Protein backbone atom coordinates (compact mmCIF):
# COMPACT_ATOMS: atom_id res chain seq x y z
CA MET A 1 -11.91 -9.32 -2.46
CA THR A 2 -10.85 -9.05 1.17
CA SER A 3 -9.17 -12.44 1.47
CA GLU A 4 -7.66 -13.34 4.82
CA ARG A 5 -4.21 -12.96 3.24
CA ILE A 6 -4.75 -9.40 2.03
CA ALA A 7 -6.60 -8.46 5.23
CA ALA A 8 -3.57 -9.60 7.26
CA LEU A 9 -1.17 -7.66 5.03
CA CYS A 10 -3.39 -4.56 5.20
CA ARG A 11 -3.27 -4.72 9.01
CA VAL A 12 0.53 -4.54 8.71
CA ALA A 13 0.37 -1.59 6.28
CA TRP A 14 -2.17 0.23 8.46
CA ALA A 15 -0.08 -0.21 11.63
CA ILE A 16 3.05 1.03 9.82
CA GLY A 17 1.15 4.06 8.52
CA ARG A 18 -0.25 4.67 11.98
CA ARG A 19 3.22 4.40 13.55
CA ASP A 20 1.68 2.04 16.10
CA SER A 21 4.33 -0.47 17.18
CA THR A 22 1.93 -2.43 19.40
CA ARG A 23 -0.52 -3.02 16.54
CA LEU A 24 2.35 -3.64 14.13
CA ASP A 25 3.70 -6.37 16.41
CA ALA A 26 0.24 -7.95 16.65
CA ALA A 27 -0.21 -7.80 12.86
CA LEU A 28 3.23 -9.29 12.23
CA ASP A 29 2.58 -12.06 14.78
CA ALA A 30 -0.67 -12.91 13.00
CA CYS A 31 1.12 -13.03 9.63
CA ALA A 32 3.90 -15.22 11.05
CA ALA A 33 1.27 -17.80 12.00
CA SER A 34 -0.52 -17.76 8.64
CA GLU A 35 -0.10 -18.19 4.91
CA SER A 36 0.35 -14.41 4.67
CA ARG A 37 3.90 -14.82 5.88
CA CYS A 38 5.30 -15.30 2.37
CA HIS A 39 4.07 -11.83 1.33
CA VAL A 40 4.91 -9.77 4.42
CA VAL A 41 8.28 -8.51 3.19
CA GLU A 42 6.75 -7.40 -0.09
CA ALA A 43 3.88 -5.66 1.71
CA ILE A 44 6.36 -3.76 3.88
CA LEU A 45 8.43 -2.72 0.86
CA GLN A 46 5.28 -1.56 -0.93
CA GLY A 47 4.68 0.85 1.94
CA ILE A 48 7.87 2.83 1.32
CA PRO A 49 6.22 5.40 -1.02
CA TYR A 50 3.51 5.96 1.59
CA SER A 51 5.28 5.71 4.95
CA GLY A 52 8.95 6.12 4.07
CA PHE A 53 12.16 4.17 4.39
CA PRO A 54 12.56 4.55 8.19
CA SER A 55 9.19 2.91 8.84
CA ALA A 56 9.99 0.09 6.41
CA ILE A 57 13.40 -0.50 7.97
CA GLU A 58 11.82 -0.67 11.42
CA ALA A 59 9.07 -3.05 10.25
CA LEU A 60 11.55 -5.27 8.38
CA GLY A 61 13.65 -5.48 11.54
CA ARG A 62 10.64 -6.54 13.57
CA TRP A 63 9.74 -9.11 10.92
CA SER A 64 13.32 -10.48 10.82
CA ASP A 65 13.13 -10.98 14.59
CA ARG A 66 10.05 -13.17 14.06
CA GLU A 67 11.76 -15.13 11.30
CA ARG A 68 14.72 -15.90 13.56
CA ALA A 69 12.51 -16.78 16.52
CA GLY A 70 10.19 -18.94 14.41
CA GLY A 71 12.87 -20.67 12.37
CA PHE A 72 11.42 -19.64 9.01
CA ALA A 73 12.41 -17.27 6.25
CA ALA A 74 9.86 -15.42 4.14
CA ASP A 75 10.41 -14.79 0.46
CA ARG A 76 12.64 -11.87 -0.41
CA PRO A 77 11.68 -11.15 -4.03
CA VAL A 78 14.03 -8.77 -5.76
CA GLU A 79 13.36 -5.75 -7.89
CA VAL A 80 12.61 -5.94 -11.59
CA GLU A 81 15.68 -4.65 -13.40
CA GLY A 82 15.42 -1.83 -15.88
CA SER A 83 16.61 1.62 -16.78
CA ASP A 84 15.16 4.79 -15.31
CA SER A 85 13.18 5.42 -18.51
CA GLU A 86 11.78 1.86 -18.43
CA ARG A 87 10.70 2.38 -14.82
CA VAL A 88 9.00 5.67 -15.72
CA THR A 89 7.19 3.97 -18.61
CA ARG A 90 6.13 1.04 -16.39
CA GLY A 91 5.17 3.52 -13.67
CA ARG A 92 3.05 5.54 -16.07
CA GLN A 93 1.13 2.40 -17.07
CA ILE A 94 0.41 1.53 -13.45
CA PHE A 95 -0.44 5.15 -12.63
CA GLU A 96 -2.95 5.22 -15.51
CA ALA A 97 -4.53 1.99 -14.25
CA VAL A 98 -4.96 3.55 -10.80
CA TYR A 99 -6.05 7.07 -11.80
CA GLY A 100 -7.86 6.34 -15.07
CA ARG A 101 -9.19 9.43 -16.83
CA LEU A 102 -7.82 11.63 -14.03
CA THR A 103 -4.19 10.71 -14.84
CA ASP A 104 -3.25 13.91 -16.68
CA ARG A 105 -4.91 16.14 -14.09
CA VAL A 106 -3.15 14.38 -11.19
CA LEU A 107 0.22 14.54 -12.97
CA SER A 108 -0.33 18.23 -13.69
CA THR A 109 -1.05 18.83 -10.00
CA LEU A 110 2.14 16.99 -9.05
CA ARG A 111 4.20 19.10 -11.51
CA SER A 112 2.65 22.30 -10.15
CA ARG A 113 3.73 21.37 -6.62
CA HIS A 114 7.30 20.61 -7.67
CA PRO A 115 8.84 19.88 -11.08
CA ASP A 116 10.52 16.66 -9.87
CA LEU A 117 7.45 15.07 -8.26
CA GLU A 118 5.99 13.62 -11.46
CA ARG A 119 9.23 11.86 -12.42
CA TRP A 120 9.91 10.65 -8.87
CA ILE A 121 6.41 9.29 -8.39
CA LEU A 122 6.20 7.64 -11.81
CA GLY A 123 9.76 6.28 -11.75
CA PHE A 124 10.11 5.34 -8.10
CA ALA A 125 6.71 4.89 -6.42
CA TYR A 126 4.91 3.37 -9.40
CA GLY A 127 7.72 2.10 -11.66
CA ARG A 128 10.24 0.78 -9.16
CA VAL A 129 8.14 -0.12 -6.10
CA MET A 130 4.64 -0.94 -7.37
CA GLY A 131 6.15 -2.19 -10.64
CA ARG A 132 8.01 -4.98 -8.84
CA GLY A 133 5.22 -7.31 -9.97
CA HIS A 134 5.16 -9.53 -6.88
CA LEU A 135 1.58 -8.69 -5.83
CA GLU A 136 -1.53 -8.01 -7.88
CA LEU A 137 -2.31 -4.36 -8.57
CA ALA A 138 -5.61 -4.67 -6.69
CA ASP A 139 -3.69 -5.89 -3.63
CA LEU A 140 -1.21 -3.02 -3.96
CA GLU A 141 -4.05 -0.52 -3.96
CA ALA A 142 -5.52 -2.14 -0.84
CA LEU A 143 -2.14 -1.80 0.87
CA GLY A 144 -1.99 1.86 -0.19
CA VAL A 145 -5.48 2.45 1.18
CA ALA A 146 -4.49 0.80 4.47
CA SER A 147 -1.33 2.89 4.83
CA LEU A 148 -3.05 6.18 4.01
CA LEU A 149 -5.94 5.32 6.31
CA GLY A 150 -3.47 4.68 9.11
CA GLN A 151 -1.88 8.07 8.48
CA GLY A 152 -5.24 9.82 8.21
CA LEU A 153 -4.27 11.38 4.85
CA LEU A 154 -7.72 11.84 3.37
CA ALA A 155 -6.97 13.43 -0.02
CA PRO A 156 -4.63 10.69 -1.25
CA LEU A 157 -6.81 8.11 0.53
CA HIS A 158 -9.74 9.26 -1.62
CA SER A 159 -7.63 8.79 -4.76
CA HIS A 160 -6.50 5.32 -3.75
CA LEU A 161 -9.98 4.22 -2.69
CA ARG A 162 -11.04 5.21 -6.21
CA GLY A 163 -8.04 3.32 -7.60
CA ALA A 164 -8.89 0.19 -5.60
CA HIS A 165 -12.45 0.43 -6.92
CA ARG A 166 -11.05 0.65 -10.47
CA MET A 167 -8.94 -2.44 -9.76
CA GLY A 168 -12.04 -4.47 -8.91
CA TRP A 169 -12.71 -3.81 -5.23
CA SER A 170 -16.45 -3.37 -4.76
CA LYS A 171 -17.78 -0.63 -2.50
CA GLU A 172 -18.78 -3.29 0.02
CA ASP A 173 -15.27 -4.82 -0.05
CA LEU A 174 -13.79 -1.36 0.56
CA ARG A 175 -16.23 -0.68 3.40
CA ASN A 176 -15.26 -4.00 4.99
CA LEU A 177 -11.57 -3.18 4.66
CA VAL A 178 -12.04 0.24 6.28
CA ARG A 179 -14.13 -1.26 9.09
CA LEU A 180 -11.53 -3.96 9.66
CA LEU A 181 -8.78 -1.40 10.09
CA ALA A 182 -10.29 1.77 11.49
CA ALA A 183 -14.00 1.55 12.21
CA ASP A 184 -13.85 3.80 15.29
CA ASP A 185 -11.26 6.20 13.99
CA SER A 186 -12.15 9.61 12.51
CA ALA A 187 -10.24 8.81 9.30
CA GLY A 188 -12.14 5.52 9.07
CA ILE A 189 -15.48 7.25 9.47
CA ARG A 190 -14.55 9.74 6.75
CA ALA A 191 -13.24 6.92 4.52
CA LEU A 192 -16.62 5.17 4.74
CA GLU A 193 -18.26 8.39 3.50
CA ILE A 194 -15.75 8.58 0.64
CA VAL A 195 -16.52 4.98 -0.36
CA ASP A 196 -20.24 5.79 -0.47
CA ASP A 197 -19.49 8.61 -2.93
CA LEU A 198 -17.37 6.53 -5.33
């Protein structure tokens, strides 16, 4: 499942998560010269729940510089409209696809950490951002894996590796993705162990 397009987008997500401007610039340059360019903006926006608005704003600025310099403009797909309750419902469906039978346990954990987390994550992260519908769910999970791997956040990385596996990524595809992004990195080494245990 690791197409060149998704590999290029995952390099962007990983560099944003890593807060590595040198690698981000290299990843954006590679996307600007490839068919991945039409999905870069969406990949950056999909990273907001993982890496935050400031990182996305910075990455979008760097991408806009490349658009101006290269004389092209990537797609800027807009958000799917809907009420807050529709976004929570859509978010719940996506969340269930990612977490499967663990959905209720994960949501319970979120509620125990703070009463607003469940609603925010379902309505915003899954309903508003992932629910935009501009990339396949399997691709979104790969981007999430890349961002979390870049940040070295192993607990959520484990969950999203499992989610990517549920979405159709084979263990070998996941190993290849981890090796592509962080083969020599301690989080990458641990991620390979997690993949083996899926």
